[in-house]
C-alpha cells in the first residue's frame, strides 16, 4: 500500500486525481527496490511509473532509452514541471555534456542511450563512489530483443551494468533496482528480457494490449496508384480528425508527404533523420492541430501523448506484430472510438509486389549481416575487452551482440566478455515474425483475438470477439 504522500506528490506534479491500474503497483515495487518487468499497453502512463519513484528516492535514476526524440520529449516535460532531469546524447556540445555531468549529484533522472551510458566519460562519472544510483530503468525494452535491422548490440551488455556499478559503491549503498518497460513482449521475449538484464526475482506486471474502442482493419491495395487513392479516401472519411500515416523508410515519408501536399493536404514528413528542432516543430504543429496528420516512420509517437488521435493508417505493412501494435496504439488513447487501417499488396504480387520486395530486401540485409558476422567470428578473441576489440573493426560489436543473443557469450562486465566453448555457427534467420504478420493480414477471425493470442493472452483470446474489427463486422453481416 502506497503512503498518502506518494499520491499527493503525483497530484501536485502531474495534476491527475488518482493512479490508473496498475500504476500504483509498479510504483510501489520500484519504491521498495524490487526488480520489475512491466508490459503496459501503449498510452498506459508507463513514464510516470518510473518518474515518480525517481523524484521521491534519494540518488540518480538512470533511464535507458533508444531514441533521441523520446529522451528529449520526456526531459523537456520534466523540466517544465521543474523536476531535476537531464539527458546526455551525441547532439550536445562538449560544453553542454560537461554541464550535465557536473550536475549529476543534483539530478533525479538522467536519460541516456545504451551507447552513451557505456561511453568512457559518462561511465566513469556514474561509477564515482559518492554518486548514489537509485535505479536503472530500461524504457522501450523490446529494443533489447528487437528482431531486424534495428538490432542494437549494446543492449546486450546492459545485464552486467548493475553489478559493475555496485563494485564502485560503498557497502552501505542501497540496492540498485532494475525495471524494464515495454508495450509488447510474448512469453519468449519476456524470458529473454529477464535473462539478458539479469533481473532478480522480478515482479512481472502485464496488461492486455486490447483496446475495445479501436477498430482494426486490413485492405488490399491492388496497385501502387490504388494505394495512394485509398489513402486519400480514408483521410477524407476521417473528416479532418487527427491521425498518423506510417511508412517504413525515411525516403518514403518525404515522397508520400510531398504527393499528399499536391492533393491539397497540409502535412509534413517526420523521421529520425530530421534535425531535433524540426522534429519538435512538427510534433507541436500536429498536437496543436496545425497538421491534421503527419507522414512518419516508427520514430514518431514514442513518448508523445495526443489523446485526440482518432486514426492510424499503415501505408505499408510493418514487418512485425510488435511494431504494428505499438503504432496502432497511438490512436484512441482517450477511450473514444478510433480506427486503424493497414494497406497491403494483393496476395499474388503480380500487380503490386512492393510489400514482397520490402520483405525480401529486409531478409537479404539480414543474411548479409549474418554472413559478415560469421566471417568475422574467427578473428574474435575468446576473451577480451570490448573497446580493444572494436577499435580495429566496429563490426565486432555486432558479432559480440549476436553471440550473446545466441547464448554463446557472457559479459563479466559491460566491457569484458568471454565466449563459451562449443559450436559458434550462427543459426539461420528466424522468419517467424514475418510469417506471423502475414497470418494476421489473412486471418478470417477477430483481429484482436489474433493479437491477444500472439502476445500470450491465450485465455482471453479464446472468447474474444471485439465486434469492431473488419472481420467481426463481416461475420455480423452474415
Protein backbone atom coordinates (compact mmCIF):
# COMPACT_ATOMS: atom_id res chain seq x y z
CA UNK A 1 0.00 0.00 0.00
CA UNK A 2 1.42 3.37 -1.01
CA UNK A 3 1.62 6.07 1.68
CA UNK A 4 -0.64 9.10 1.09
CA UNK A 5 2.38 11.32 0.42
CA UNK A 6 3.08 9.44 -2.85
CA UNK A 7 -0.37 10.18 -4.26
CA UNK A 8 -0.13 13.78 -3.04
CA UNK A 9 3.14 14.27 -4.93
CA UNK A 10 1.61 12.67 -8.01
CA UNK A 11 -1.38 15.01 -7.84
CA UNK A 12 0.79 18.08 -7.25
CA UNK A 13 3.29 17.41 -10.05
CA UNK A 14 1.14 15.79 -12.74
CA UNK A 15 -2.31 17.08 -11.84
CA UNK A 16 -4.17 13.75 -12.04
CA UNK A 17 -6.59 12.79 -9.26
CA UNK A 18 -5.55 9.14 -8.94
CA UNK A 19 -3.42 6.37 -10.44
CA UNK A 20 -4.61 4.13 -13.23
CA UNK A 21 -4.23 0.37 -12.80
CA UNK A 22 -1.57 -0.94 -12.49
CA UNK A 23 0.47 2.27 -11.91
CA UNK A 24 0.26 2.12 -8.11
CA UNK A 25 1.55 -1.47 -8.06
CA UNK A 26 4.50 -0.62 -10.31
CA UNK A 27 5.39 2.49 -8.30
CA UNK A 28 5.26 0.54 -5.03
CA UNK A 29 7.63 -2.11 -6.45
CA UNK A 30 10.16 0.50 -7.51
CA UNK A 31 9.95 2.40 -4.22
CA UNK A 32 10.72 -0.94 -2.50
CA UNK A 33 13.71 -1.56 -4.83
CA UNK A 34 12.18 -4.66 -6.45
CA UNK A 35 13.18 -5.65 -9.98
CA UNK A 36 10.26 -5.43 -12.38
CA UNK A 37 9.26 -6.38 -15.91
CA UNK A 38 6.33 -4.20 -16.94
CA UNK A 39 4.23 -4.85 -20.04
CA UNK A 40 1.96 -1.84 -20.21
CA UNK A 41 -0.22 -1.08 -23.22
CA UNK A 42 0.65 1.99 -25.27
CA UNK A 43 -0.85 5.03 -23.59
CA UNK A 44 -0.92 3.32 -20.19
CA UNK A 45 1.16 6.00 -18.48
CA UNK A 46 4.35 4.00 -18.03
CA UNK A 47 6.69 7.03 -17.85
CA UNK A 48 5.08 8.24 -14.63
CA UNK A 49 5.63 4.77 -13.16
CA UNK A 50 9.39 5.34 -13.00
CA UNK A 51 9.49 9.16 -12.95
CA UNK A 52 7.51 9.45 -9.69
CA UNK A 53 9.66 6.96 -7.71
CA UNK A 54 12.77 8.67 -9.09
CA UNK A 55 11.85 12.06 -7.66
CA UNK A 56 10.81 10.52 -4.33
CA UNK A 57 14.00 8.49 -3.83
CA UNK A 58 17.48 9.71 -2.98
CA UNK A 59 20.06 9.34 -5.74
CA UNK A 60 20.08 9.26 -9.51
CA UNK A 61 17.74 7.11 -11.60
CA UNK A 62 19.21 6.20 -14.98
CA UNK A 63 16.66 5.89 -17.79
CA UNK A 64 17.97 3.96 -20.80
CA UNK A 65 16.01 4.89 -23.92
CA UNK A 66 16.51 4.00 -27.59
CA UNK A 67 15.53 7.24 -29.31
CA UNK A 68 16.89 10.76 -29.00
CA UNK A 69 13.46 12.25 -29.76
CA UNK A 70 11.87 10.21 -26.97
CA UNK A 71 14.51 11.27 -24.46
CA UNK A 72 14.26 14.94 -25.35
CA UNK A 73 10.45 14.94 -25.17
CA UNK A 74 10.37 13.39 -21.71
CA UNK A 75 13.16 15.55 -20.29
CA UNK A 76 11.57 18.74 -21.62
CA UNK A 77 8.28 17.74 -19.99
CA UNK A 78 10.02 17.04 -16.67
CA UNK A 79 11.91 20.31 -16.78
CA UNK A 80 8.67 22.22 -17.46
CA UNK A 81 7.41 20.66 -14.23
CA UNK A 82 10.60 21.94 -12.53
CA UNK A 83 11.91 18.46 -11.86
CA UNK A 84 15.69 17.78 -11.83
CA UNK A 85 16.15 15.83 -15.07
CA UNK A 86 18.60 15.91 -17.98
CA UNK A 87 19.70 13.92 -20.98
CA UNK A 88 23.08 13.12 -22.50
CA UNK A 89 23.43 12.39 -26.19
CA UNK A 90 25.76 12.90 -29.14
CA UNK A 91 24.00 16.05 -30.40
CA UNK A 92 25.02 18.05 -27.33
CA UNK A 93 28.09 20.26 -27.49
CA UNK A 94 31.11 19.36 -25.35
CA UNK A 95 30.22 22.23 -23.03
CA UNK A 96 26.63 21.03 -22.65
CA UNK A 97 27.75 17.47 -21.93
CA UNK A 98 30.23 18.73 -19.33
CA UNK A 99 27.49 20.78 -17.62
CA UNK A 100 25.19 17.76 -17.36
CA UNK A 101 27.98 15.58 -15.95
CA UNK A 102 28.74 18.25 -13.35
CA UNK A 103 25.07 18.32 -12.31
CA UNK A 104 24.72 14.52 -11.83
CA UNK A 105 24.74 14.63 -7.98
CA UNK A 106 21.83 17.07 -8.08
CA UNK A 107 19.70 15.25 -10.68
CA UNK A 108 16.99 12.69 -10.05
CA UNK A 109 16.63 11.44 -13.66
CA UNK A 110 19.26 11.03 -16.36
CA UNK A 111 18.14 9.87 -19.82
CA UNK A 112 20.77 8.15 -21.97
CA UNK A 113 21.02 5.71 -24.84
CA UNK A 114 22.83 2.43 -24.03
CA UNK A 115 25.75 3.62 -26.17
CA UNK A 116 26.06 6.89 -24.22
CA UNK A 117 25.71 5.10 -20.88
CA UNK A 118 28.73 2.91 -21.68
CA UNK A 119 30.88 5.69 -23.17
CA UNK A 120 34.01 6.27 -21.09
CA UNK A 121 33.34 9.82 -19.75
CA UNK A 122 29.77 9.01 -18.69
CA UNK A 123 30.56 5.59 -17.23
CA UNK A 124 33.44 6.96 -15.15
CA UNK A 125 31.21 9.63 -13.62
CA UNK A 126 28.44 7.13 -12.84
CA UNK A 127 30.96 4.87 -11.11
CA UNK A 128 32.03 7.63 -8.71
CA UNK A 129 31.69 6.19 -5.15
CA UNK A 130 29.97 9.36 -3.93
CA UNK A 131 27.24 9.27 -6.62
CA UNK A 132 24.22 7.36 -5.36
CA UNK A 133 22.35 5.36 -8.02
CA UNK A 134 18.69 4.81 -7.15
CA UNK A 135 17.67 2.62 -10.08
CA UNK A 136 18.08 1.65 -13.71
CA UNK A 137 15.02 1.89 -15.95
CA UNK A 138 15.10 0.32 -19.42
CA UNK A 139 12.42 2.07 -21.46
CA UNK A 140 11.10 0.55 -24.71
CA UNK A 141 12.81 -2.66 -23.59
CA UNK A 142 11.62 -4.60 -26.65
CA UNK A 143 14.61 -2.98 -28.42
CA UNK A 144 16.77 -5.38 -26.42
CA UNK A 145 15.26 -8.36 -28.22
CA UNK A 146 14.46 -6.43 -31.40
CA UNK A 147 14.25 -8.61 -34.46
CA UNK A 148 15.52 -6.91 -37.58
CA UNK A 149 17.90 -4.32 -38.93
CA UNK A 150 17.38 -2.08 -35.87
CA UNK A 151 19.28 -4.55 -33.63
CA UNK A 152 21.32 -2.57 -31.08
CA UNK A 153 24.17 -4.81 -29.86
CA UNK A 154 24.96 -2.51 -26.91
CA UNK A 155 21.66 -3.51 -25.32
CA UNK A 156 23.08 -6.99 -24.82
CA UNK A 157 25.69 -5.56 -22.40
CA UNK A 158 23.18 -3.98 -20.01
CA UNK A 159 22.78 -7.07 -17.82
CA UNK A 160 26.19 -6.55 -16.26
CA UNK A 161 25.73 -2.82 -15.58
CA UNK A 162 24.21 -3.17 -12.10
CA UNK A 163 26.93 -5.43 -10.66
CA UNK A 164 29.66 -3.29 -12.23
CA UNK A 165 28.25 -0.11 -10.70
CA UNK A 166 27.84 -1.73 -7.27
CA UNK A 167 31.53 -2.67 -7.22
CA UNK A 168 32.36 1.05 -7.13
CA UNK A 169 29.84 2.00 -4.45
CA UNK A 170 30.38 1.85 -0.66
CA UNK A 171 28.89 -1.15 1.23
CA UNK A 172 26.07 0.95 2.67
CA UNK A 173 24.85 1.90 -0.82
CA UNK A 174 21.28 0.68 -1.22
CA UNK A 175 20.37 -1.96 -3.76
CA UNK A 176 20.01 -0.77 -7.36
CA UNK A 177 16.69 -1.95 -8.76
CA UNK A 178 16.22 -2.60 -12.47
CA UNK A 179 12.91 -2.26 -14.26
CA UNK A 180 12.18 -2.98 -17.91
CA UNK A 181 9.19 -1.36 -19.62
CA UNK A 182 7.60 -2.27 -22.93
CA UNK A 183 4.18 -2.41 -24.54
CA UNK A 184 4.77 -5.71 -26.31
CA UNK A 185 6.57 -8.93 -25.42
CA UNK A 186 5.45 -12.51 -25.92
CA UNK A 187 6.47 -15.23 -23.46
CA UNK A 188 9.75 -15.91 -25.28
CA UNK A 189 10.67 -12.20 -25.32
CA UNK A 190 9.80 -11.88 -21.62
CA UNK A 191 12.13 -14.74 -20.73
CA UNK A 192 14.91 -13.23 -22.82
CA UNK A 193 14.47 -9.80 -21.22
CA UNK A 194 14.69 -11.28 -17.72
CA UNK A 195 17.78 -13.30 -18.65
CA UNK A 196 19.62 -10.58 -20.56
CA UNK A 197 19.04 -7.86 -17.95
CA UNK A 198 19.76 -10.32 -15.11
CA UNK A 199 16.57 -9.34 -13.32
CA UNK A 200 16.42 -10.90 -9.85
CA UNK A 201 13.04 -12.43 -8.98
CA UNK A 202 11.27 -9.72 -10.95
CA UNK A 203 7.69 -8.68 -10.39
CA UNK A 204 6.10 -9.30 -13.81
CA UNK A 205 3.17 -6.96 -14.41
CA UNK A 206 1.20 -7.41 -17.62
CA UNK A 207 -1.73 -5.51 -19.02
CA UNK A 208 -3.62 -6.62 -22.08
CA UNK A 209 -2.95 -4.70 -25.31
CA UNK A 210 -6.65 -5.00 -26.16
CA UNK A 211 -8.44 -1.72 -26.91
CA UNK A 212 -12.20 -2.23 -27.21
CA UNK A 213 -12.57 1.21 -28.81
CA UNK A 214 -10.00 0.63 -31.58
CA UNK A 215 -11.24 -0.87 -34.86
CA UNK A 216 -8.54 -2.82 -36.73
CA UNK A 217 -8.86 -3.12 -40.49
CA UNK A 218 -6.78 -4.51 -43.37
CA UNK A 219 -7.47 -3.68 -47.03
CA UNK A 220 -5.83 -4.80 -50.27
CA UNK A 221 -4.29 -2.10 -52.44
CA UNK A 222 -4.25 -3.66 -55.90
CA UNK A 223 -1.72 -1.27 -57.46
CA UNK A 224 0.66 1.43 -56.20
CA UNK A 225 -1.70 4.11 -57.54
CA UNK A 226 -4.65 2.39 -55.86
CA UNK A 227 -2.73 2.52 -52.57
CA UNK A 228 -2.48 6.30 -52.87
CA UNK A 229 -6.12 6.70 -53.84
CA UNK A 230 -7.27 4.52 -50.92
CA UNK A 231 -5.14 6.68 -48.64
CA UNK A 232 -6.88 9.83 -49.87
CA UNK A 233 -10.35 8.27 -49.48
CA UNK A 234 -9.53 7.11 -45.96
CA UNK A 235 -8.25 10.53 -44.91
CA UNK A 236 -11.41 12.18 -46.27
CA UNK A 237 -13.55 9.64 -44.41
CA UNK A 238 -11.99 10.82 -41.13
CA UNK A 239 -13.35 14.35 -41.72
CA UNK A 240 -10.31 16.30 -40.60
CA UNK A 241 -9.72 14.38 -37.37
CA UNK A 242 -6.19 13.91 -36.02
CA UNK A 243 -4.24 10.92 -37.34
CA UNK A 244 -0.92 9.42 -38.34
CA UNK A 245 0.29 7.73 -41.53
CA UNK A 246 3.12 5.23 -41.01
CA UNK A 247 5.56 4.22 -43.73
CA UNK A 248 8.69 2.11 -43.38
CA UNK A 249 11.57 4.36 -44.54
CA UNK A 250 12.71 7.96 -44.33
CA UNK A 251 12.66 8.39 -48.08
CA UNK A 252 9.08 7.17 -48.32
CA UNK A 253 7.86 9.62 -45.67
CA UNK A 254 9.12 12.52 -47.75
CA UNK A 255 7.80 11.14 -51.06
CA UNK A 256 4.31 10.44 -49.70
CA UNK A 257 4.07 13.73 -47.79
CA UNK A 258 5.06 15.62 -50.94
CA UNK A 259 2.45 13.77 -53.02
CA UNK A 260 -0.29 14.36 -50.43
CA UNK A 261 0.59 18.05 -50.45
CA UNK A 262 -0.20 18.10 -54.19
CA UNK A 263 -3.62 16.68 -53.22
CA UNK A 264 -4.28 19.76 -51.05
CA UNK A 265 -3.45 18.15 -47.71
CA UNK A 266 -1.48 20.13 -45.16
CA UNK A 267 1.04 17.68 -43.74
CA UNK A 268 4.72 17.04 -43.07
CA UNK A 269 7.23 14.18 -43.24
CA UNK A 270 8.76 13.06 -39.94
CA UNK A 271 11.67 10.70 -39.35
CA UNK A 272 14.68 10.33 -37.06
CA UNK A 273 16.99 11.86 -39.68
CA UNK A 274 15.49 15.33 -39.28
CA UNK A 275 17.19 17.93 -37.06
CA UNK A 276 15.92 17.93 -33.48
CA UNK A 277 14.41 21.39 -33.73
CA UNK A 278 12.48 20.49 -36.88
CA UNK A 279 11.10 17.34 -35.23
CA UNK A 280 9.90 19.39 -32.24
CA UNK A 281 8.19 21.87 -34.58
CA UNK A 282 6.34 19.10 -36.42
CA UNK A 283 5.27 17.42 -33.17
CA UNK A 284 3.95 20.71 -31.79
CA UNK A 285 2.13 21.56 -35.02
CA UNK A 286 0.48 18.12 -35.00
CA UNK A 287 -0.54 18.25 -31.34
CA UNK A 288 -1.97 21.76 -31.76
CA UNK A 289 -3.92 20.74 -34.88
CA UNK A 290 -1.98 22.70 -37.48
CA UNK A 291 -1.27 19.38 -39.20
CA UNK A 292 -4.32 17.07 -39.17
CA UNK A 293 -1.89 14.20 -39.77
CA UNK A 294 1.82 13.52 -40.18
CA UNK A 295 3.52 11.02 -42.52
CA UNK A 296 6.10 9.30 -40.35
CA UNK A 297 8.34 6.37 -39.55
CA UNK A 298 8.15 4.46 -36.27
CA UNK A 299 10.27 7.22 -34.68
CA UNK A 300 7.11 9.33 -34.34
CA UNK A 301 4.80 8.89 -31.39
CA UNK A 302 7.17 7.35 -28.83
CA UNK A 303 6.71 9.37 -25.67
CA UNK A 304 4.09 11.63 -27.25
CA UNK A 305 0.57 11.51 -25.90
CA UNK A 306 -2.11 13.05 -28.08
CA UNK A 307 -5.41 11.58 -26.84
CA UNK A 308 -7.26 13.24 -29.74
CA UNK A 309 -5.65 10.88 -32.26
CA UNK A 310 -8.61 9.19 -33.96
CA UNK A 311 -6.92 7.15 -36.68
CA UNK A 312 -3.72 5.43 -37.80
CA UNK A 313 -3.09 4.43 -41.40
CA UNK A 314 -0.33 1.99 -42.30
CA UNK A 315 0.52 2.91 -45.88
CA UNK A 316 2.73 -0.19 -45.83
CA UNK A 317 2.59 -3.17 -43.53
CA UNK A 318 5.06 -3.28 -40.62
CA UNK A 319 7.39 -6.26 -40.61
CA UNK A 320 6.35 -7.50 -37.17
CA UNK A 321 3.27 -7.60 -34.96
CA UNK A 322 5.24 -5.84 -32.20
CA UNK A 323 5.79 -2.83 -34.47
CA UNK A 324 2.17 -2.91 -35.57
CA UNK A 325 0.63 -2.96 -32.11
CA UNK A 326 2.96 -0.19 -30.93
CA UNK A 327 1.89 2.03 -33.80
CA UNK A 328 -1.87 1.41 -33.84
CA UNK A 329 -1.77 2.07 -30.11
CA UNK A 330 -1.27 5.78 -30.83
CA UNK A 331 -4.96 6.05 -31.69
CA UNK A 332 -7.89 6.21 -29.29
CA UNK A 333 -5.96 6.78 -26.09
CA UNK A 334 -8.89 8.79 -24.69
CA UNK A 335 -11.16 5.74 -24.86
CA UNK A 336 -13.33 7.11 -27.65
CA UNK A 337 -13.79 5.22 -30.95
CA UNK A 338 -10.73 5.13 -33.20
CA UNK A 339 -9.77 3.38 -36.42
CA UNK A 340 -6.63 1.71 -37.76
CA UNK A 341 -6.26 0.71 -41.42
CA UNK A 342 -3.38 -1.25 -42.92
CA UNK A 343 -2.97 -1.32 -46.70
CA UNK A 344 -1.37 -4.46 -48.13
CA UNK A 345 -0.41 -5.66 -51.60
CA UNK A 346 -2.61 -8.23 -53.32
CA UNK A 347 -1.51 -11.78 -52.42
CA UNK A 348 -0.02 -12.83 -55.77
CA UNK A 349 2.24 -9.79 -56.10
CA UNK A 350 1.62 -9.67 -59.87
CA UNK A 351 0.02 -6.23 -59.82
CA UNK A 352 1.97 -4.79 -56.90
CA UNK A 353 4.95 -6.62 -55.41
CA UNK A 354 6.18 -3.71 -53.25
CA UNK A 355 5.34 -5.42 -49.93
CA UNK A 356 7.07 -8.63 -51.03
CA UNK A 357 10.09 -6.68 -52.29
CA UNK A 358 10.34 -4.89 -48.96
CA UNK A 359 10.35 -8.18 -47.07
CA UNK A 360 12.86 -9.72 -49.47
CA UNK A 361 15.17 -6.71 -49.14
CA UNK A 362 14.97 -6.92 -45.36
CA UNK A 363 15.81 -10.65 -45.40
CA UNK A 364 18.70 -10.04 -47.81
CA UNK A 365 20.12 -7.40 -45.49
CA UNK A 366 19.76 -9.77 -42.56
CA UNK A 367 21.51 -12.52 -44.49
CA UNK A 368 24.40 -10.21 -45.38
CA UNK A 369 24.68 -9.20 -41.74
CA UNK A 370 24.75 -12.85 -40.69
CA UNK A 371 27.39 -13.74 -43.27
CA UNK A 372 29.52 -10.77 -42.24
CA UNK A 373 29.32 -11.81 -38.57
CA UNK A 374 30.21 -15.43 -39.41
CA UNK A 375 33.22 -14.23 -41.40
CA UNK A 376 34.48 -12.03 -38.53
CA UNK A 377 33.93 -14.65 -35.83
CA UNK A 378 37.29 -16.47 -36.27
CA UNK A 379 39.10 -13.13 -35.76
CA UNK A 380 37.41 -12.52 -32.40
CA UNK A 381 39.49 -13.42 -29.29
CA UNK A 382 37.76 -15.87 -26.95
CA UNK A 383 38.24 -13.35 -24.12
CA UNK A 384 38.70 -9.65 -24.40
CA UNK A 385 37.80 -6.05 -23.76
CA UNK A 386 35.01 -4.50 -25.80
CA UNK A 387 36.85 -1.26 -26.57
CA UNK A 388 40.00 -3.06 -27.68
CA UNK A 389 38.13 -5.48 -29.92
CA UNK A 390 36.06 -2.89 -31.79
CA UNK A 391 38.99 -0.50 -32.18
CA UNK A 392 40.20 -2.37 -35.23
CA UNK A 393 36.75 -3.23 -36.57
CA UNK A 394 33.49 -1.62 -35.32
CA UNK A 395 31.50 -4.53 -36.81
CA UNK A 396 32.86 -6.71 -34.00
CA UNK A 397 30.22 -5.09 -31.73
CA UNK A 398 27.56 -6.76 -33.85
CA UNK A 399 29.31 -10.14 -33.61
CA UNK A 400 29.51 -9.86 -29.82
CA UNK A 401 25.84 -8.90 -29.61
CA UNK A 402 24.77 -11.79 -31.84
CA UNK A 403 26.86 -14.28 -29.84
CA UNK A 404 25.28 -13.08 -26.60
CA UNK A 405 21.81 -13.25 -28.12
CA UNK A 406 22.53 -16.85 -29.13
CA UNK A 407 23.65 -17.74 -25.57
CA UNK A 408 27.25 -18.30 -26.68
CA UNK A 409 28.89 -15.38 -24.84
CA UNK A 410 28.88 -13.99 -21.30
CA UNK A 411 29.61 -10.41 -20.22
CA UNK A 412 31.64 -10.36 -16.98
CA UNK A 413 31.25 -6.58 -17.01
CA UNK A 414 29.85 -4.16 -19.61
CA UNK A 415 33.34 -4.20 -21.13
CA UNK A 416 34.84 -7.67 -20.53
CA UNK A 417 33.45 -10.69 -22.37
CA UNK A 418 34.16 -14.41 -22.67
CA UNK A 419 32.95 -16.71 -25.46
CA UNK A 420 31.61 -20.04 -24.24
CA UNK A 421 33.19 -23.23 -25.57
CA UNK A 422 31.37 -25.09 -28.32
CA UNK A 423 29.97 -24.61 -31.81
CA UNK A 424 29.70 -20.94 -32.70
CA UNK A 425 27.97 -21.17 -36.04
CA UNK A 426 25.07 -18.72 -36.12
CA UNK A 427 21.55 -20.04 -36.62
CA UNK A 428 19.63 -19.24 -39.76
CA UNK A 429 17.39 -16.18 -39.84
CA UNK A 430 14.14 -16.71 -37.95
CA UNK A 431 11.28 -15.89 -40.32
CA UNK A 432 8.59 -16.46 -37.67
CA UNK A 433 7.83 -12.74 -37.12
CA UNK A 434 7.27 -12.24 -40.87
CA UNK A 435 5.02 -15.29 -41.04
CA UNK A 436 3.06 -14.06 -38.03
CA UNK A 437 2.39 -10.74 -39.72
CA UNK A 438 1.28 -12.47 -42.92
CA UNK A 439 -1.05 -14.69 -40.90
CA UNK A 440 -2.53 -11.63 -39.22
CA UNK A 441 -3.20 -10.00 -42.59
CA UNK A 442 -5.08 -13.03 -43.89
CA UNK A 443 -6.88 -14.20 -40.76
CA UNK A 444 -10.64 -14.75 -41.07
CA UNK A 445 -11.20 -14.39 -37.35
CA UNK A 446 -11.28 -11.46 -34.92
CA UNK A 447 -8.11 -9.43 -35.36
CA UNK A 448 -7.89 -8.51 -31.69
CA UNK A 449 -8.23 -12.17 -30.73
CA UNK A 450 -5.34 -12.97 -33.08
CA UNK A 451 -3.13 -10.31 -31.44
CA UNK A 452 -4.08 -11.39 -27.92
CA UNK A 453 -3.11 -14.97 -28.78
CA UNK A 454 0.20 -13.84 -30.28
CA UNK A 455 1.15 -11.84 -27.18
CA UNK A 456 0.39 -14.51 -24.62
CA UNK A 457 -3.17 -13.77 -23.59
CA UNK A 458 -4.47 -17.11 -24.83
CA UNK A 459 -7.32 -17.49 -22.36
CA UNK A 460 -8.81 -14.07 -23.19
CA UNK A 461 -8.31 -14.69 -26.91
CA UNK A 462 -10.44 -17.86 -26.88
CA UNK A 463 -13.66 -15.98 -26.10
CA UNK A 464 -12.88 -12.55 -27.53
CA UNK A 465 -14.93 -11.14 -30.39
CA UNK A 466 -14.21 -7.43 -30.44
CA UNK A 467 -17.19 -6.60 -32.68
CA UNK A 468 -15.43 -3.60 -34.26
CA UNK A 469 -12.66 -5.03 -36.46
CA UNK A 470 -13.33 -5.70 -40.15
CA UNK A 471 -13.51 -9.49 -39.62
CA UNK A 472 -16.06 -9.25 -36.81
CA UNK A 473 -18.15 -6.77 -38.78
CA UNK A 474 -18.13 -9.12 -41.80
CA UNK A 475 -19.27 -12.01 -39.58
CA UNK A 476 -22.07 -9.88 -38.17
CA UNK A 477 -23.41 -9.23 -41.68
CA UNK A 478 -23.76 -12.96 -42.43
